C-alpha atoms as a PDB file:
ATOM      1  CA  UNK A   1     -33.904 -10.354 -21.505  1.00  0.00           C
ATOM      2  CA  UNK A   2     -31.168  -9.546 -18.994  1.00  0.00           C
ATOM      3  CA  UNK A   3     -30.477 -11.651 -15.914  1.00  0.00           C
ATOM      4  CA  UNK A   4     -32.082 -10.363 -12.702  1.00  0.00           C
ATOM      5  CA  UNK A   5     -29.702  -8.748 -10.227  1.00  0.00           C
ATOM      6  CA  UNK A   6     -28.571 -11.257  -7.603  1.00  0.00           C
ATOM      7  CA  UNK A   7     -27.962  -9.577  -4.280  1.00  0.00           C
ATOM      8  CA  UNK A   8     -26.626 -12.720  -2.664  1.00  0.00           C
ATOM      9  CA  UNK A   9     -24.222 -15.451  -3.716  1.00  0.00           C
ATOM     10  CA  UNK A  10     -23.573 -18.846  -2.089  1.00  0.00           C
ATOM     11  CA  UNK A  11     -19.932 -17.873  -1.524  1.00  0.00           C
ATOM     12  CA  UNK A  12     -21.030 -14.588   0.061  1.00  0.00           C
ATOM     13  CA  UNK A  13     -23.350 -16.415   2.449  1.00  0.00           C
ATOM     14  CA  UNK A  14     -20.505 -18.740   3.415  1.00  0.00           C
ATOM     15  CA  UNK A  15     -18.207 -15.793   4.184  1.00  0.00           C
ATOM     16  CA  UNK A  16     -20.937 -14.200   6.296  1.00  0.00           C
ATOM     17  CA  UNK A  17     -21.448 -17.417   8.266  1.00  0.00           C
ATOM     18  CA  UNK A  18     -17.686 -17.753   8.763  1.00  0.00           C
ATOM     19  CA  UNK A  19     -17.397 -14.142   9.956  1.00  0.00           C
ATOM     20  CA  UNK A  20     -20.248 -14.574  12.436  1.00  0.00           C
ATOM     21  CA  UNK A  21     -18.767 -17.809  13.763  1.00  0.00           C
ATOM     22  CA  UNK A  22     -15.210 -16.435  14.108  1.00  0.00           C
ATOM     23  CA  UNK A  23     -16.153 -13.011  15.461  1.00  0.00           C
ATOM     24  CA  UNK A  24     -19.052 -14.056  17.684  1.00  0.00           C
ATOM     25  CA  UNK A  25     -21.131 -11.204  16.246  1.00  0.00           C
ATOM     26  CA  UNK A  26     -24.647 -11.303  14.771  1.00  0.00           C
ATOM     27  CA  UNK A  27     -24.436  -9.146  11.649  1.00  0.00           C
ATOM     28  CA  UNK A  28     -28.229  -8.866  11.393  1.00  0.00           C
ATOM     29  CA  UNK A  29     -28.196  -6.765  14.569  1.00  0.00           C
ATOM     30  CA  UNK A  30     -26.760  -3.817  12.632  1.00  0.00           C
ATOM     31  CA  UNK A  31     -29.669  -1.622  11.482  1.00  0.00           C
ATOM     32  CA  UNK A  32     -27.518   0.905   9.588  1.00  0.00           C
ATOM     33  CA  UNK A  33     -27.781   3.886  11.925  1.00  0.00           C
ATOM     34  CA  UNK A  34     -24.270   4.949  10.732  1.00  0.00           C
ATOM     35  CA  UNK A  35     -23.101   6.031  14.197  1.00  0.00           C
ATOM     36  CA  UNK A  36     -19.995   3.893  13.691  1.00  0.00           C
ATOM     37  CA  UNK A  37     -19.083   5.625  10.426  1.00  0.00           C
ATOM     38  CA  UNK A  38     -19.807   9.080  11.864  1.00  0.00           C
ATOM     39  CA  UNK A  39     -17.198   8.559  14.571  1.00  0.00           C
ATOM     40  CA  UNK A  40     -14.580   6.606  12.591  1.00  0.00           C
ATOM     41  CA  UNK A  41     -11.229   8.481  12.644  1.00  0.00           C
ATOM     42  CA  UNK A  42     -10.312   6.911   9.284  1.00  0.00           C
ATOM     43  CA  UNK A  43     -13.581   7.760   7.529  1.00  0.00           C
ATOM     44  CA  UNK A  44     -11.864  10.049   5.011  1.00  0.00           C
ATOM     45  CA  UNK A  45      -9.261   7.449   4.068  1.00  0.00           C
ATOM     46  CA  UNK A  46     -11.517   4.477   3.318  1.00  0.00           C
ATOM     47  CA  UNK A  47     -13.583   3.546   0.285  1.00  0.00           C
ATOM     48  CA  UNK A  48     -16.348   1.808   2.273  1.00  0.00           C
ATOM     49  CA  UNK A  49     -17.594   3.026   5.625  1.00  0.00           C
ATOM     50  CA  UNK A  50     -18.000   0.631   8.525  1.00  0.00           C
ATOM     51  CA  UNK A  51     -21.761   0.293   8.141  1.00  0.00           C
ATOM     52  CA  UNK A  52     -21.311  -0.334   4.401  1.00  0.00           C
ATOM     53  CA  UNK A  53     -18.968  -3.228   5.191  1.00  0.00           C
ATOM     54  CA  UNK A  54     -21.624  -4.721   7.463  1.00  0.00           C
ATOM     55  CA  UNK A  55     -24.376  -4.107   4.893  1.00  0.00           C
ATOM     56  CA  UNK A  56     -22.363  -5.851   2.181  1.00  0.00           C
ATOM     57  CA  UNK A  57     -22.034  -8.892   4.448  1.00  0.00           C
ATOM     58  CA  UNK A  58     -25.741  -8.791   5.330  1.00  0.00           C
ATOM     59  CA  UNK A  59     -26.570  -8.874   1.608  1.00  0.00           C
ATOM     60  CA  UNK A  60     -24.137 -11.723   0.928  1.00  0.00           C
ATOM     61  CA  UNK A  61     -21.886  -9.438  -1.141  1.00  0.00           C
ATOM     62  CA  UNK A  62     -18.691 -10.410   0.640  1.00  0.00           C
ATOM     63  CA  UNK A  63     -16.488  -9.487  -2.336  1.00  0.00           C
ATOM     64  CA  UNK A  64     -17.282  -5.811  -1.775  1.00  0.00           C
ATOM     65  CA  UNK A  65     -15.989  -6.034   1.796  1.00  0.00           C
ATOM     66  CA  UNK A  66     -13.016  -8.282   0.975  1.00  0.00           C
ATOM     67  CA  UNK A  67     -11.817  -6.033  -1.866  1.00  0.00           C
ATOM     68  CA  UNK A  68     -12.114  -2.787   0.089  1.00  0.00           C
ATOM     69  CA  UNK A  69      -9.264  -0.688   1.432  1.00  0.00           C
ATOM     70  CA  UNK A  70     -11.245  -0.241   4.647  1.00  0.00           C
ATOM     71  CA  UNK A  71     -10.658  -3.893   5.543  1.00  0.00           C
ATOM     72  CA  UNK A  72      -6.901  -3.316   5.791  1.00  0.00           C
ATOM     73  CA  UNK A  73      -6.916   0.270   7.046  1.00  0.00           C
ATOM     74  CA  UNK A  74      -9.132  -0.388  10.088  1.00  0.00           C
ATOM     75  CA  UNK A  75      -6.938  -0.028  13.180  1.00  0.00           C
ATOM     76  CA  UNK A  76      -9.381  -1.592  15.653  1.00  0.00           C
ATOM     77  CA  UNK A  77      -9.570   1.563  17.780  1.00  0.00           C
ATOM     78  CA  UNK A  78     -12.994   0.473  19.159  1.00  0.00           C
ATOM     79  CA  UNK A  79     -14.631   3.864  18.475  1.00  0.00           C
ATOM     80  CA  UNK A  80     -17.323   2.160  16.417  1.00  0.00           C
ATOM     81  CA  UNK A  81     -18.030  -0.355  19.182  1.00  0.00           C
ATOM     82  CA  UNK A  82     -18.488   2.324  21.826  1.00  0.00           C
ATOM     83  CA  UNK A  83     -20.899   4.245  19.571  1.00  0.00           C
ATOM     84  CA  UNK A  84     -22.934   1.255  18.364  1.00  0.00           C
ATOM     85  CA  UNK A  85     -26.376   1.059  20.066  1.00  0.00           C
ATOM     86  CA  UNK A  86     -26.416  -2.698  19.369  1.00  0.00           C
ATOM     87  CA  UNK A  87     -22.798  -3.225  20.522  1.00  0.00           C
ATOM     88  CA  UNK A  88     -21.725  -4.902  17.277  1.00  0.00           C
ATOM     89  CA  UNK A  89     -17.958  -5.365  17.599  1.00  0.00           C
ATOM     90  CA  UNK A  90     -16.828  -4.303  14.131  1.00  0.00           C
ATOM     91  CA  UNK A  91     -13.068  -4.770  14.758  1.00  0.00           C
ATOM     92  CA  UNK A  92     -13.778  -8.468  15.467  1.00  0.00           C
ATOM     93  CA  UNK A  93     -15.711  -8.644  12.205  1.00  0.00           C
ATOM     94  CA  UNK A  94     -12.757  -7.048  10.392  1.00  0.00           C
ATOM     95  CA  UNK A  95     -10.346  -9.549  11.990  1.00  0.00           C
ATOM     96  CA  UNK A  96     -12.485 -12.457  10.789  1.00  0.00           C
ATOM     97  CA  UNK A  97     -12.715 -10.972   7.288  1.00  0.00           C
ATOM     98  CA  UNK A  98      -8.942 -10.539   7.142  1.00  0.00           C
ATOM     99  CA  UNK A  99      -8.475 -14.152   8.295  1.00  0.00           C
ATOM    100  CA  UNK A 100     -10.708 -15.283   5.411  1.00  0.00           C
ATOM    101  CA  UNK A 101      -8.855 -13.079   2.927  1.00  0.00           C
ATOM    102  CA  UNK A 102      -5.418 -14.353   3.984  1.00  0.00           C
ATOM    103  CA  UNK A 103      -6.500 -18.005   4.114  1.00  0.00           C
ATOM    104  CA  UNK A 104      -8.029 -17.823   0.643  1.00  0.00           C
ATOM    105  CA  UNK A 105      -4.934 -16.130  -0.843  1.00  0.00           C
ATOM    106  CA  UNK A 106      -6.789 -12.959  -1.705  1.00  0.00           C
ATOM    107  CA  UNK A 107      -4.632  -9.968  -2.625  1.00  0.00           C
ATOM    108  CA  UNK A 108      -4.985  -7.167  -0.099  1.00  0.00           C
ATOM    109  CA  UNK A 109      -6.298  -3.865  -1.435  1.00  0.00           C
ATOM    110  CA  UNK A 110      -3.617  -2.171   0.699  1.00  0.00           C
ATOM    111  CA  UNK A 111      -0.565  -4.380   0.162  1.00  0.00           C
ATOM    112  CA  UNK A 112       1.664  -2.104   2.244  1.00  0.00           C
ATOM    113  CA  UNK A 113      -0.409  -2.838   5.352  1.00  0.00           C
ATOM    114  CA  UNK A 114       0.130  -6.597   5.169  1.00  0.00           C
ATOM    115  CA  UNK A 115       3.830  -6.055   4.364  1.00  0.00           C
ATOM    116  CA  UNK A 116       4.306  -3.796   7.400  1.00  0.00           C
ATOM    117  CA  UNK A 117       2.401  -6.272   9.586  1.00  0.00           C
ATOM    118  CA  UNK A 118       4.606  -9.208   8.532  1.00  0.00           C
ATOM    119  CA  UNK A 119       7.898  -7.310   8.952  1.00  0.00           C
ATOM    120  CA  UNK A 120       6.848  -5.841  12.319  1.00  0.00           C
ATOM    121  CA  UNK A 121       5.954  -9.250  13.734  1.00  0.00           C
ATOM    122  CA  UNK A 122       9.155 -10.798  12.345  1.00  0.00           C
ATOM    123  CA  UNK A 123      11.329  -8.258  14.172  1.00  0.00           C
ATOM    124  CA  UNK A 124       9.425  -8.876  17.421  1.00  0.00           C
ATOM    125  CA  UNK A 125       9.745 -12.642  16.941  1.00  0.00           C
ATOM    126  CA  UNK A 126      13.519 -12.352  16.417  1.00  0.00           C
ATOM    127  CA  UNK A 127      14.412  -9.864  19.172  1.00  0.00           C
ATOM    128  CA  UNK A 128      11.477 -10.026  21.566  1.00  0.00           C
ATOM    129  CA  UNK A 129      10.673  -6.376  20.883  1.00  0.00           C
ATOM    130  CA  UNK A 130      10.397  -4.191  17.812  1.00  0.00           C
ATOM    131  CA  UNK A 131      13.714  -3.479  16.059  1.00  0.00           C
ATOM    132  CA  UNK A 132      13.093  -0.126  14.373  1.00  0.00           C
ATOM    133  CA  UNK A 133      15.981  -0.168  11.867  1.00  0.00           C
ATOM    134  CA  UNK A 134      15.110  -3.697  10.769  1.00  0.00           C
ATOM    135  CA  UNK A 135      11.440  -2.744  10.537  1.00  0.00           C
ATOM    136  CA  UNK A 136      12.103   0.314   8.371  1.00  0.00           C
ATOM    137  CA  UNK A 137      14.648  -1.487   6.169  1.00  0.00           C
ATOM    138  CA  UNK A 138      12.539  -4.621   5.729  1.00  0.00           C
ATOM    139  CA  UNK A 139       9.373  -2.672   4.998  1.00  0.00           C
ATOM    140  CA  UNK A 140      11.073  -0.347   2.499  1.00  0.00           C
ATOM    141  CA  UNK A 141      12.657  -3.284   0.699  1.00  0.00           C
ATOM    142  CA  UNK A 142       9.534  -5.463   0.498  1.00  0.00           C
ATOM    143  CA  UNK A 143       7.103  -2.638  -0.252  1.00  0.00           C
ATOM    144  CA  UNK A 144       9.242  -1.098  -2.991  1.00  0.00           C
ATOM    145  CA  UNK A 145       9.580   2.242  -1.159  1.00  0.00           C
ATOM    146  CA  UNK A 146      13.357   1.936  -0.937  1.00  0.00           C
ATOM    147  CA  UNK A 147      14.092   5.439   0.362  1.00  0.00           C
ATOM    148  CA  UNK A 148      10.836   5.984   2.243  1.00  0.00           C
ATOM    149  CA  UNK A 149      11.303   7.722   5.633  1.00  0.00           C
ATOM    150  CA  UNK A 150      15.075   7.823   5.088  1.00  0.00           C
ATOM    151  CA  UNK A 151      15.097  11.550   5.883  1.00  0.00           C
ATOM    152  CA  UNK A 152      13.513  10.787   9.276  1.00  0.00           C
ATOM    153  CA  UNK A 153      15.584   7.717  10.125  1.00  0.00           C
ATOM    154  CA  UNK A 154      19.039   9.263  10.083  1.00  0.00           C
ATOM    155  CA  UNK A 155      18.308  12.128  12.557  1.00  0.00           C
ATOM    156  CA  UNK A 156      16.626   9.646  14.919  1.00  0.00           C
ATOM    157  CA  UNK A 157      19.616   7.328  14.700  1.00  0.00           C
ATOM    158  CA  UNK A 158      22.060  10.204  15.310  1.00  0.00           C
ATOM    159  CA  UNK A 159      20.172  11.347  18.409  1.00  0.00           C
ATOM    160  CA  UNK A 160      19.973   7.854  19.874  1.00  0.00           C
ATOM    161  CA  UNK A 161      16.202   7.565  19.454  1.00  0.00           C
ATOM    162  CA  UNK A 162      16.656   4.273  17.624  1.00  0.00           C
ATOM    163  CA  UNK A 163      19.517   1.772  17.889  1.00  0.00           C
ATOM    164  CA  UNK A 164      21.454   0.440  14.898  1.00  0.00           C
ATOM    165  CA  UNK A 165      21.556  -3.099  16.355  1.00  0.00           C
ATOM    166  CA  UNK A 166      18.634  -5.005  17.875  1.00  0.00           C
ATOM    167  CA  UNK A 167      18.318  -5.185  21.663  1.00  0.00           C
ATOM    168  CA  UNK A 168      17.170  -8.654  22.658  1.00  0.00           C
ATOM    169  CA  UNK A 169      14.878  -9.046  25.653  1.00  0.00           C
ATOM    170  CA  UNK A 170      15.585 -11.618  28.360  1.00  0.00           C
ATOM    171  CA  UNK A 171      12.118 -13.191  28.160  1.00  0.00           C
ATOM    172  CA  UNK A 172      12.595 -14.579  24.652  1.00  0.00           C
ATOM    173  CA  UNK A 173      11.114 -17.963  25.628  1.00  0.00           C
ATOM    174  CA  UNK A 174       7.876 -16.279  26.701  1.00  0.00           C
ATOM    175  CA  UNK A 175       7.747 -14.284  23.468  1.00  0.00           C
ATOM    176  CA  UNK A 176       8.343 -17.460  21.458  1.00  0.00           C
ATOM    177  CA  UNK A 177       5.475 -19.152  23.330  1.00  0.00           C
ATOM    178  CA  UNK A 178       3.154 -16.256  22.425  1.00  0.00           C
ATOM    179  CA  UNK A 179       4.051 -16.624  18.746  1.00  0.00           C
ATOM    180  CA  UNK A 180       3.501 -20.385  18.898  1.00  0.00           C
ATOM    181  CA  UNK A 181       0.018 -19.901  20.364  1.00  0.00           C
ATOM    182  CA  UNK A 182      -0.767 -17.217  17.788  1.00  0.00           C
ATOM    183  CA  UNK A 183       0.366 -19.514  14.970  1.00  0.00           C
ATOM    184  CA  UNK A 184      -1.933 -22.275  16.218  1.00  0.00           C
ATOM    185  CA  UNK A 185      -4.866 -19.823  16.246  1.00  0.00           C
ATOM    186  CA  UNK A 186      -3.954 -18.584  12.748  1.00  0.00           C
ATOM    187  CA  UNK A 187      -3.711 -22.151  11.415  1.00  0.00           C
ATOM    188  CA  UNK A 188      -7.106 -22.982  12.945  1.00  0.00           C
ATOM    189  CA  UNK A 189      -8.674 -19.900  11.369  1.00  0.00           C
ATOM    190  CA  UNK A 190      -7.071 -20.657   8.003  1.00  0.00           C
ATOM    191  CA  UNK A 191      -8.329 -24.243   8.099  1.00  0.00           C
ATOM    192  CA  UNK A 192     -11.859 -23.085   8.951  1.00  0.00           C
ATOM    193  CA  UNK A 193     -11.787 -20.506   6.138  1.00  0.00           C
ATOM    194  CA  UNK A 194     -10.553 -23.067   3.597  1.00  0.00           C
ATOM    195  CA  UNK A 195     -13.240 -25.541   4.624  1.00  0.00           C
ATOM    196  CA  UNK A 196     -15.925 -22.842   4.375  1.00  0.00           C
ATOM    197  CA  UNK A 197     -14.612 -21.765   0.962  1.00  0.00           C
ATOM    198  CA  UNK A 198     -14.681 -25.396  -0.190  1.00  0.00           C
ATOM    199  CA  UNK A 199     -18.300 -25.761   0.919  1.00  0.00           C
ATOM    200  CA  UNK A 200     -19.236 -22.575  -0.934  1.00  0.00           C
ATOM    201  CA  UNK A 201     -17.596 -23.833  -4.133  1.00  0.00           C
ATOM    202  CA  UNK A 202     -19.588 -27.097  -4.094  1.00  0.00           C
END
């Protein structure tokens, strides 16, 4: 006789509790009206819609949400929040899920997104503002798309739309302080996620 289907796992419940604690949202308030998904500008690009992400978490099936492309493609545009009759802030839920995924060393379903994110922030950290040439070069190198957007970069460089060398801002100390605060928040989130994952494994 086959094993009965388990809709919930201890690890899934732990992820759900972590997401609720970090995001400040009550996932049970979503009653699957699908207004969020109907208005999502990225609906055609994702494998799971926004209400499906929430339903997976409600059922304790966190792996479905953590392994989805939607988790990394969500841009936090707030369209879903403005349409939600219960005011569930889905971008905050997505942020908490991504924090769990990164802290637990989970491979992102859209690796290019995390690569772009890291390179973008590194250029801002170094120069105080985005350095377009460094961003394009670093992303192409780390993502494996060595000649990606090359046909667009050269005309922009020739017309002075982007600069070959980084322009450093004067308020670099303030920018550095922002990154230090963000790193403390990230470390706190990572520690909380690791502790929650450890509890789920016991």
